[in-house]
Amino acid sequence: MLTTQRKKIILEWLARDGQVLAAPLAVEFGVSEDTVRRDLRELAAEGLLQRVHGGALPASSAVAPFSVRRTLESSGKRAIGMAAASMIAPGQVVIVDGGTTCAELVRHIPHSLSATIVTHSPTIAVALVDHPSIEVIVIGGRLYKHSIVTVGAAAIEAMSHIHADLYFMGVTGVHSTAGLSTGDLEEAYVKRALAARSAETVVLASKEKINAASAYSIGDVTLAQTIIVEASTDIALTEALEATGVSVVRA
């Protein structure tokens, strides 16, 4: 079988099953596992899948620059943002991540709400300027331009002084076994540190992020207590997440 034929089948099975394993592929194709791993490496280099130990998962498509993602209209993200905003109670201290789904969240925060929003996203901070009863605390650090958020040691040090009620986390991948992931190592460290400073972590996950993985692990799915997904998300995928003990809210 030609390499191109093997790769085509690998991608078809990945779309069908949500994951592929190198050993069964090698048996099916009648080739060595090294040959299959080479195929997976090449497909990963093209951004068509995410390699994990023993095989591969679908690659997250939520990796475009922020300026591009911001221009893409999504009723699903709006619904997720609205559901997330409704979870904020008056007087709470709430951490809000960066990213386009979190941007939808702040658009739906009532102007009458009195709360404290902590963020490492300049974009999120500016969006709250016209909310008279929202106190905004901005975490400083090195600006990661892809997501327009601050990262690094200074950001993590600032977080150590925060005790939040809620943390709304943005991710690029949510998978029942591969966990929560993102496309930058330092950003993964920051998200994990923010989760540790909050009583409850809520992940905002639009459809393209479910059952997908990115290169850098934030942590197990159970790092979050709740995941908000689009109403149309495949029930089999959300059941796999709920089996881990995480609550899934459909928006």
Protein backbone atom coordinates (compact mmCIF):
# COMPACT_ATOMS: atom_id res chain seq x y z
CA MET A 1 0.00 0.00 0.00
CA LEU A 2 1.30 3.43 -0.93
CA THR A 3 2.09 6.01 1.75
CA THR A 4 -0.62 8.33 0.44
CA GLN A 5 -3.19 5.54 0.70
CA ARG A 6 -2.19 4.75 4.30
CA LYS A 7 -2.43 8.42 5.27
CA LYS A 8 -5.85 8.74 3.68
CA ILE A 9 -7.12 5.74 5.64
CA ILE A 10 -5.54 7.02 8.87
CA LEU A 11 -7.40 10.33 8.53
CA GLU A 12 -10.65 8.56 7.67
CA TRP A 13 -10.40 6.32 10.74
CA LEU A 14 -9.42 9.28 12.91
CA ALA A 15 -12.55 11.16 11.80
CA ARG A 16 -14.68 8.06 12.39
CA ASP A 17 -13.31 6.89 15.74
CA GLY A 18 -11.82 10.02 17.30
CA GLN A 19 -8.41 8.37 17.75
CA VAL A 20 -6.04 5.93 16.09
CA LEU A 21 -3.42 3.60 17.61
CA ALA A 22 -0.13 2.78 15.92
CA ALA A 23 -0.06 -0.94 16.72
CA PRO A 24 -3.46 -1.88 15.18
CA LEU A 25 -2.69 0.32 12.17
CA ALA A 26 0.59 -1.52 11.60
CA VAL A 27 -1.23 -4.88 11.64
CA GLU A 28 -3.97 -3.60 9.33
CA PHE A 29 -1.49 -2.17 6.81
CA GLY A 30 1.02 -5.01 7.08
CA VAL A 31 3.88 -2.63 7.87
CA SER A 32 6.06 -1.94 10.90
CA GLU A 33 5.01 0.37 13.73
CA ASP A 34 7.99 2.57 12.79
CA THR A 35 6.42 3.06 9.36
CA VAL A 36 3.07 4.01 10.92
CA ARG A 37 4.77 6.38 13.36
CA ARG A 38 6.50 8.06 10.40
CA ASP A 39 3.13 8.49 8.70
CA LEU A 40 1.73 10.02 11.88
CA ARG A 41 4.72 12.37 12.22
CA GLU A 42 4.24 13.61 8.67
CA LEU A 43 0.50 14.11 9.13
CA ALA A 44 1.15 15.95 12.39
CA ALA A 45 3.65 18.23 10.63
CA GLU A 46 0.86 19.14 8.21
CA GLY A 47 -1.42 19.99 11.14
CA LEU A 48 -3.83 17.15 10.30
CA LEU A 49 -3.59 15.33 13.63
CA GLN A 50 -2.02 15.55 17.09
CA ARG A 51 0.34 12.73 18.04
CA VAL A 52 -0.02 11.25 21.52
CA HIS A 53 1.59 8.27 23.20
CA GLY A 54 0.72 5.17 21.18
CA GLY A 55 -1.17 6.93 18.38
CA ALA A 56 -2.92 10.15 17.45
CA LEU A 57 -5.97 12.33 18.14
CA PRO A 58 -7.73 14.92 15.98
CA ALA A 59 -5.77 18.19 15.90
CA SER A 60 -7.56 21.23 17.24
CA SER A 61 -8.58 23.69 14.53
CA ALA A 62 -8.70 26.55 17.05
CA VAL A 63 -5.14 27.64 16.28
CA ALA A 64 -5.57 30.60 13.92
CA PRO A 65 -4.22 34.00 15.06
CA PHE A 66 -6.54 35.97 17.37
CA SER A 67 -7.18 38.62 14.70
CA VAL A 68 -8.52 35.92 12.37
CA ARG A 69 -10.55 34.09 15.03
CA ARG A 70 -12.10 37.37 16.19
CA THR A 71 -13.63 37.99 12.75
CA LEU A 72 -15.32 34.57 12.61
CA GLU A 73 -18.94 34.77 13.69
CA SER A 74 -20.11 31.88 15.82
CA SER A 75 -23.58 31.54 17.30
CA GLY A 76 -22.21 28.64 19.36
CA LYS A 77 -19.55 30.82 20.98
CA ARG A 78 -22.13 33.52 21.69
CA ALA A 79 -24.37 30.97 23.41
CA ILE A 80 -21.45 29.65 25.47
CA GLY A 81 -20.47 33.21 26.43
CA MET A 82 -24.02 34.02 27.51
CA ALA A 83 -24.27 30.84 29.62
CA ALA A 84 -20.92 31.58 31.26
CA ALA A 85 -21.82 35.20 32.05
CA SER A 86 -25.02 34.04 33.77
CA MET A 87 -22.92 32.01 36.24
CA ILE A 88 -21.29 35.12 37.74
CA ALA A 89 -22.93 36.26 40.97
CA PRO A 90 -22.69 39.78 42.46
CA GLY A 91 -19.64 40.32 44.64
CA GLN A 92 -17.63 37.42 43.24
CA VAL A 93 -13.97 37.49 42.25
CA VAL A 94 -13.79 35.94 38.78
CA ILE A 95 -10.79 35.09 36.60
CA VAL A 96 -11.45 35.40 32.88
CA ASP A 97 -9.02 33.90 30.37
CA GLY A 98 -8.15 35.35 26.98
CA GLY A 99 -9.48 34.16 23.62
CA THR A 100 -12.52 34.70 21.46
CA THR A 101 -14.98 32.63 23.51
CA CYS A 102 -14.06 34.54 26.68
CA ALA A 103 -14.52 37.74 24.68
CA GLU A 104 -18.11 36.62 24.09
CA LEU A 105 -18.47 36.05 27.84
CA VAL A 106 -17.60 39.65 28.75
CA ARG A 107 -19.96 40.98 26.07
CA HIS A 108 -22.81 39.38 28.01
CA ILE A 109 -21.88 40.62 31.49
CA PRO A 110 -24.67 43.01 32.60
CA HIS A 111 -23.58 46.61 33.09
CA SER A 112 -25.33 46.55 36.46
CA LEU A 113 -23.25 43.66 37.82
CA SER A 114 -20.92 44.44 40.70
CA ALA A 115 -17.95 42.05 40.75
CA THR A 116 -14.19 41.84 40.39
CA ILE A 117 -12.74 40.49 37.14
CA VAL A 118 -9.12 39.33 37.12
CA THR A 119 -7.59 38.75 33.70
CA HIS A 120 -4.26 38.33 31.95
CA SER A 121 -5.84 39.51 28.70
CA PRO A 122 -5.57 43.21 27.78
CA THR A 123 -8.44 42.67 25.32
CA ILE A 124 -10.75 41.40 28.07
CA ALA A 125 -9.73 44.25 30.40
CA VAL A 126 -10.48 46.94 27.80
CA ALA A 127 -13.87 45.35 27.01
CA LEU A 128 -14.89 45.97 30.64
CA VAL A 129 -13.99 49.65 30.75
CA ASP A 130 -17.63 50.76 30.39
CA HIS A 131 -18.91 48.50 33.19
CA PRO A 132 -19.12 50.97 36.10
CA SER A 133 -19.45 48.38 38.87
CA ILE A 134 -16.80 45.94 37.63
CA GLU A 135 -13.38 46.25 39.23
CA VAL A 136 -10.76 45.04 36.76
CA ILE A 137 -7.41 43.62 37.86
CA VAL A 138 -4.90 43.02 35.06
CA ILE A 139 -2.14 40.45 35.49
CA GLY A 140 1.09 41.59 33.85
CA GLY A 141 3.84 39.64 32.12
CA ARG A 142 5.21 38.93 28.66
CA LEU A 143 2.57 39.34 25.95
CA TYR A 144 1.85 36.15 24.01
CA LYS A 145 0.61 37.75 20.81
CA HIS A 146 -1.23 34.73 19.37
CA SER A 147 -3.87 34.87 22.10
CA ILE A 148 -3.14 38.41 23.37
CA VAL A 149 -2.54 37.27 26.95
CA THR A 150 0.36 37.69 29.36
CA VAL A 151 2.50 34.69 30.29
CA GLY A 152 5.74 33.98 32.11
CA ALA A 153 7.12 34.07 35.66
CA ALA A 154 5.78 37.55 36.43
CA ALA A 155 2.24 36.50 35.53
CA ILE A 156 2.42 33.33 37.62
CA GLU A 157 3.84 35.25 40.60
CA ALA A 158 0.97 37.78 40.45
CA MET A 159 -1.58 34.94 40.45
CA SER A 160 -0.25 33.56 43.73
CA HIS A 161 -1.99 36.41 45.58
CA ILE A 162 -5.46 35.70 44.16
CA HIS A 163 -8.31 33.66 45.66
CA ALA A 164 -11.09 33.57 43.06
CA ASP A 165 -14.58 32.11 43.10
CA LEU A 166 -14.61 31.19 39.40
CA TYR A 167 -12.10 30.79 36.61
CA PHE A 168 -13.36 30.75 33.04
CA MET A 169 -10.70 28.90 31.06
CA GLY A 170 -10.22 28.99 27.30
CA VAL A 171 -8.57 25.98 25.66
CA THR A 172 -7.88 24.67 22.16
CA GLY A 173 -8.47 21.00 22.99
CA VAL A 174 -10.80 19.01 25.28
CA HIS A 175 -10.51 15.23 25.26
CA SER A 176 -11.76 12.71 27.82
CA THR A 177 -8.39 10.93 28.04
CA ALA A 178 -5.86 13.46 26.65
CA GLY A 179 -7.32 16.17 28.87
CA LEU A 180 -7.26 19.94 28.39
CA SER A 181 -4.63 21.35 26.05
CA THR A 182 -3.41 24.47 24.30
CA GLY A 183 -0.91 25.45 21.63
CA ASP A 184 1.76 27.17 23.76
CA LEU A 185 3.80 25.77 26.66
CA GLU A 186 3.92 28.95 28.76
CA GLU A 187 0.21 29.53 28.24
CA ALA A 188 -0.43 26.00 29.54
CA TYR A 189 1.56 26.82 32.71
CA VAL A 190 -0.45 30.01 33.24
CA LYS A 191 -3.81 28.28 32.78
CA ARG A 192 -2.85 25.57 35.26
CA ALA A 193 -1.72 28.20 37.78
CA LEU A 194 -4.98 30.13 37.38
CA ALA A 195 -7.02 26.97 37.96
CA ALA A 196 -5.12 26.43 41.20
CA ARG A 197 -6.16 29.90 42.41
CA SER A 198 -9.89 29.40 41.90
CA ALA A 199 -12.55 27.50 43.84
CA GLU A 200 -14.14 26.38 40.56
CA THR A 201 -12.84 26.16 36.99
CA VAL A 202 -15.25 26.37 34.07
CA VAL A 203 -13.95 25.48 30.59
CA LEU A 204 -15.51 27.20 27.57
CA ALA A 205 -15.36 24.75 24.67
CA SER A 206 -16.85 25.48 21.25
CA LYS A 207 -17.50 22.53 18.95
CA GLU A 208 -14.13 22.45 17.17
CA LYS A 209 -12.31 21.99 20.50
CA ILE A 210 -14.20 18.90 21.68
CA ASN A 211 -12.44 15.54 21.16
CA ALA A 212 -9.37 17.39 19.88
CA ALA A 213 -5.88 17.90 21.26
CA SER A 214 -3.06 20.42 21.00
CA ALA A 215 0.64 20.07 21.71
CA TYR A 216 0.75 21.24 25.34
CA SER A 217 -1.24 19.71 28.18
CA ILE A 218 -2.89 21.97 30.74
CA GLY A 219 -4.07 19.02 32.81
CA ASP A 220 -6.64 16.26 33.07
CA VAL A 221 -10.25 17.04 32.16
CA THR A 222 -10.98 16.88 35.90
CA LEU A 223 -8.93 20.05 36.41
CA ALA A 224 -12.28 21.64 35.52
CA GLN A 225 -15.50 21.14 37.43
CA THR A 226 -17.71 22.28 34.54
CA ILE A 227 -17.40 22.39 30.75
CA ILE A 228 -19.79 24.56 28.73
CA VAL A 229 -20.35 23.24 25.21
CA GLU A 230 -22.54 24.09 22.24
CA ALA A 231 -26.03 22.59 22.32
CA SER A 232 -25.35 20.66 19.11
CA THR A 233 -22.23 18.89 20.42
CA ASP A 234 -22.32 15.11 19.80
CA ILE A 235 -23.85 13.47 22.87
CA ALA A 236 -21.39 10.56 22.71
CA LEU A 237 -18.53 13.03 23.18
CA THR A 238 -20.14 14.79 26.13
CA GLU A 239 -21.01 11.47 27.76
CA ALA A 240 -17.33 10.52 27.64
CA LEU A 241 -16.51 13.78 29.43
CA GLU A 242 -19.26 13.30 32.02
CA ALA A 243 -17.95 9.80 32.72
CA THR A 244 -14.83 11.44 34.18
CA GLY A 245 -16.99 13.24 36.76
CA VAL A 246 -17.07 16.64 35.06
CA SER A 247 -20.40 18.46 34.69
CA VAL A 248 -21.29 19.38 31.09
CA VAL A 249 -23.57 22.35 30.41
CA ARG A 250 -25.12 22.70 26.94
CA ALA A 251 -25.59 26.28 25.78
